[in-house]
């Protein structure tokens, strides 16, 4: 099981690859902390449909990271730039 924070970090990198509906469900669940029932009621769909969409999105986030490794590379770069001057490090982190 992957942590909530890890999934949110991955979503920050790969979120634009999802449909508008998948983005809305994921953001309602992870960013707005709505329950599946609340999202289903607000969106006028079944709780099971919301659950399936969120699980599908989570699986795709992990798949994208497994293959593209953007999060892993960003973390590695952050480790490598730690010894650099603060202004240089900040400039590089903005690019990440």
C-alpha atoms as a PDB file:
ATOM      1  CA  UNK A   1       0.000   0.000   0.000  1.00  0.00           C
ATOM      2  CA  UNK A   2       1.336   3.388  -0.926  1.00  0.00           C
ATOM      3  CA  UNK A   3       0.948   6.355   1.342  1.00  0.00           C
ATOM      4  CA  UNK A   4      -1.506   9.137   0.734  1.00  0.00           C
ATOM      5  CA  UNK A   5       1.379  11.602   0.473  1.00  0.00           C
ATOM      6  CA  UNK A   6       3.202   9.515  -2.103  1.00  0.00           C
ATOM      7  CA  UNK A   7       0.091   9.307  -4.274  1.00  0.00           C
ATOM      8  CA  UNK A   8      -0.419  13.072  -3.994  1.00  0.00           C
ATOM      9  CA  UNK A   9       3.204  13.692  -4.999  1.00  0.00           C
ATOM     10  CA  UNK A  10       2.776  11.398  -7.990  1.00  0.00           C
ATOM     11  CA  UNK A  11      -0.465  13.150  -8.904  1.00  0.00           C
ATOM     12  CA  UNK A  12       1.398  16.479  -8.902  1.00  0.00           C
ATOM     13  CA  UNK A  13       3.692  15.040 -11.572  1.00  0.00           C
ATOM     14  CA  UNK A  14       1.269  12.990 -13.649  1.00  0.00           C
ATOM     15  CA  UNK A  15      -2.156  14.491 -12.930  1.00  0.00           C
ATOM     16  CA  UNK A  16      -2.510  16.170 -16.311  1.00  0.00           C
ATOM     17  CA  UNK A  17      -2.464  12.743 -17.963  1.00  0.00           C
ATOM     18  CA  UNK A  18      -5.894  11.903 -16.533  1.00  0.00           C
ATOM     19  CA  UNK A  19      -9.368  12.785 -17.724  1.00  0.00           C
ATOM     20  CA  UNK A  20     -11.176  15.718 -16.146  1.00  0.00           C
ATOM     21  CA  UNK A  21     -13.491  13.307 -14.320  1.00  0.00           C
ATOM     22  CA  UNK A  22     -10.575  11.290 -12.907  1.00  0.00           C
ATOM     23  CA  UNK A  23      -8.884  14.500 -11.778  1.00  0.00           C
ATOM     24  CA  UNK A  24     -12.039  15.737 -10.060  1.00  0.00           C
ATOM     25  CA  UNK A  25     -12.639  12.453  -8.216  1.00  0.00           C
ATOM     26  CA  UNK A  26      -9.003  12.170  -7.140  1.00  0.00           C
ATOM     27  CA  UNK A  27      -8.871  15.776  -5.964  1.00  0.00           C
ATOM     28  CA  UNK A  28     -12.185  15.472  -4.107  1.00  0.00           C
ATOM     29  CA  UNK A  29     -10.940  12.375  -2.320  1.00  0.00           C
ATOM     30  CA  UNK A  30      -7.305  13.302  -1.635  1.00  0.00           C
ATOM     31  CA  UNK A  31      -7.291  17.101  -1.499  1.00  0.00           C
ATOM     32  CA  UNK A  32     -10.775  17.881  -0.185  1.00  0.00           C
ATOM     33  CA  UNK A  33     -10.896  14.784   2.048  1.00  0.00           C
ATOM     34  CA  UNK A  34     -14.399  13.874   0.927  1.00  0.00           C
ATOM     35  CA  UNK A  35     -15.629  10.338   1.480  1.00  0.00           C
ATOM     36  CA  UNK A  36     -16.608   8.126  -1.433  1.00  0.00           C
ATOM     37  CA  UNK A  37     -20.245   8.540  -0.428  1.00  0.00           C
ATOM     38  CA  UNK A  38     -19.955  12.340  -0.365  1.00  0.00           C
ATOM     39  CA  UNK A  39     -18.302  12.426  -3.789  1.00  0.00           C
ATOM     40  CA  UNK A  40     -20.935  10.052  -5.181  1.00  0.00           C
ATOM     41  CA  UNK A  41     -23.743  12.193  -3.829  1.00  0.00           C
ATOM     42  CA  UNK A  42     -22.199  15.427  -5.144  1.00  0.00           C
ATOM     43  CA  UNK A  43     -21.536  13.937  -8.585  1.00  0.00           C
ATOM     44  CA  UNK A  44     -24.799  11.967  -8.820  1.00  0.00           C
ATOM     45  CA  UNK A  45     -23.042   8.654  -9.494  1.00  0.00           C
ATOM     46  CA  UNK A  46     -22.666   5.456  -7.497  1.00  0.00           C
ATOM     47  CA  UNK A  47     -20.160   5.087  -4.695  1.00  0.00           C
ATOM     48  CA  UNK A  48     -18.752   2.056  -6.520  1.00  0.00           C
ATOM     49  CA  UNK A  49     -18.118   4.132  -9.658  1.00  0.00           C
ATOM     50  CA  UNK A  50     -16.139   6.646  -7.595  1.00  0.00           C
ATOM     51  CA  UNK A  51     -14.199   3.872  -5.887  1.00  0.00           C
ATOM     52  CA  UNK A  52     -13.315   2.264  -9.223  1.00  0.00           C
ATOM     53  CA  UNK A  53     -12.198   5.561 -10.758  1.00  0.00           C
ATOM     54  CA  UNK A  54      -9.999   6.457  -7.784  1.00  0.00           C
ATOM     55  CA  UNK A  55      -8.422   2.972  -7.654  1.00  0.00           C
ATOM     56  CA  UNK A  56      -7.820   3.101 -11.402  1.00  0.00           C
ATOM     57  CA  UNK A  57      -6.163   6.504 -11.053  1.00  0.00           C
ATOM     58  CA  UNK A  58      -3.973   5.271  -8.191  1.00  0.00           C
ATOM     59  CA  UNK A  59      -2.880   2.246 -10.222  1.00  0.00           C
ATOM     60  CA  UNK A  60      -2.052   4.420 -13.219  1.00  0.00           C
ATOM     61  CA  UNK A  61      -0.034   6.824 -11.050  1.00  0.00           C
ATOM     62  CA  UNK A  62       2.065   3.928  -9.812  1.00  0.00           C
ATOM     63  CA  UNK A  63       2.394   2.540 -13.339  1.00  0.00           C
ATOM     64  CA  UNK A  64       3.571   5.885 -14.700  1.00  0.00           C
ATOM     65  CA  UNK A  65       6.126   6.253 -11.938  1.00  0.00           C
ATOM     66  CA  UNK A  66       7.331   2.689 -12.379  1.00  0.00           C
ATOM     67  CA  UNK A  67       8.028   3.381 -16.033  1.00  0.00           C
ATOM     68  CA  UNK A  68       8.970   7.070 -16.131  1.00  0.00           C
ATOM     69  CA  UNK A  69      10.527   7.453 -12.663  1.00  0.00           C
ATOM     70  CA  UNK A  70      10.074  11.243 -12.573  1.00  0.00           C
ATOM     71  CA  UNK A  71       9.423  11.322  -8.822  1.00  0.00           C
ATOM     72  CA  UNK A  72      12.418   9.120  -8.112  1.00  0.00           C
ATOM     73  CA  UNK A  73      14.677  11.285 -10.287  1.00  0.00           C
ATOM     74  CA  UNK A  74      13.423  14.488  -8.671  1.00  0.00           C
ATOM     75  CA  UNK A  75      14.187  13.082  -5.223  1.00  0.00           C
ATOM     76  CA  UNK A  76      17.665  12.059  -6.329  1.00  0.00           C
ATOM     77  CA  UNK A  77      18.346  15.518  -7.763  1.00  0.00           C
ATOM     78  CA  UNK A  78      17.183  17.142  -4.521  1.00  0.00           C
ATOM     79  CA  UNK A  79      19.678  15.006  -2.602  1.00  0.00           C
ATOM     80  CA  UNK A  80      22.495  15.914  -4.968  1.00  0.00           C
ATOM     81  CA  UNK A  81      21.890  19.664  -4.748  1.00  0.00           C
ATOM     82  CA  UNK A  82      21.742  19.815  -0.936  1.00  0.00           C
ATOM     83  CA  UNK A  83      25.387  20.928  -0.582  1.00  0.00           C
ATOM     84  CA  UNK A  84      24.929  23.788  -3.067  1.00  0.00           C
ATOM     85  CA  UNK A  85      24.482  27.429  -2.181  1.00  0.00           C
ATOM     86  CA  UNK A  86      20.895  28.263  -1.124  1.00  0.00           C
ATOM     87  CA  UNK A  87      20.193  30.564  -4.088  1.00  0.00           C
ATOM     88  CA  UNK A  88      21.467  28.024  -6.606  1.00  0.00           C
ATOM     89  CA  UNK A  89      19.577  25.193  -4.883  1.00  0.00           C
ATOM     90  CA  UNK A  90      16.353  27.236  -4.897  1.00  0.00           C
ATOM     91  CA  UNK A  91      16.713  27.973  -8.598  1.00  0.00           C
ATOM     92  CA  UNK A  92      17.185  24.303  -9.397  1.00  0.00           C
ATOM     93  CA  UNK A  93      14.273  23.237  -7.179  1.00  0.00           C
ATOM     94  CA  UNK A  94      11.973  25.639  -9.027  1.00  0.00           C
ATOM     95  CA  UNK A  95      12.736  23.739 -12.206  1.00  0.00           C
ATOM     96  CA  UNK A  96      11.760  20.468 -10.584  1.00  0.00           C
END
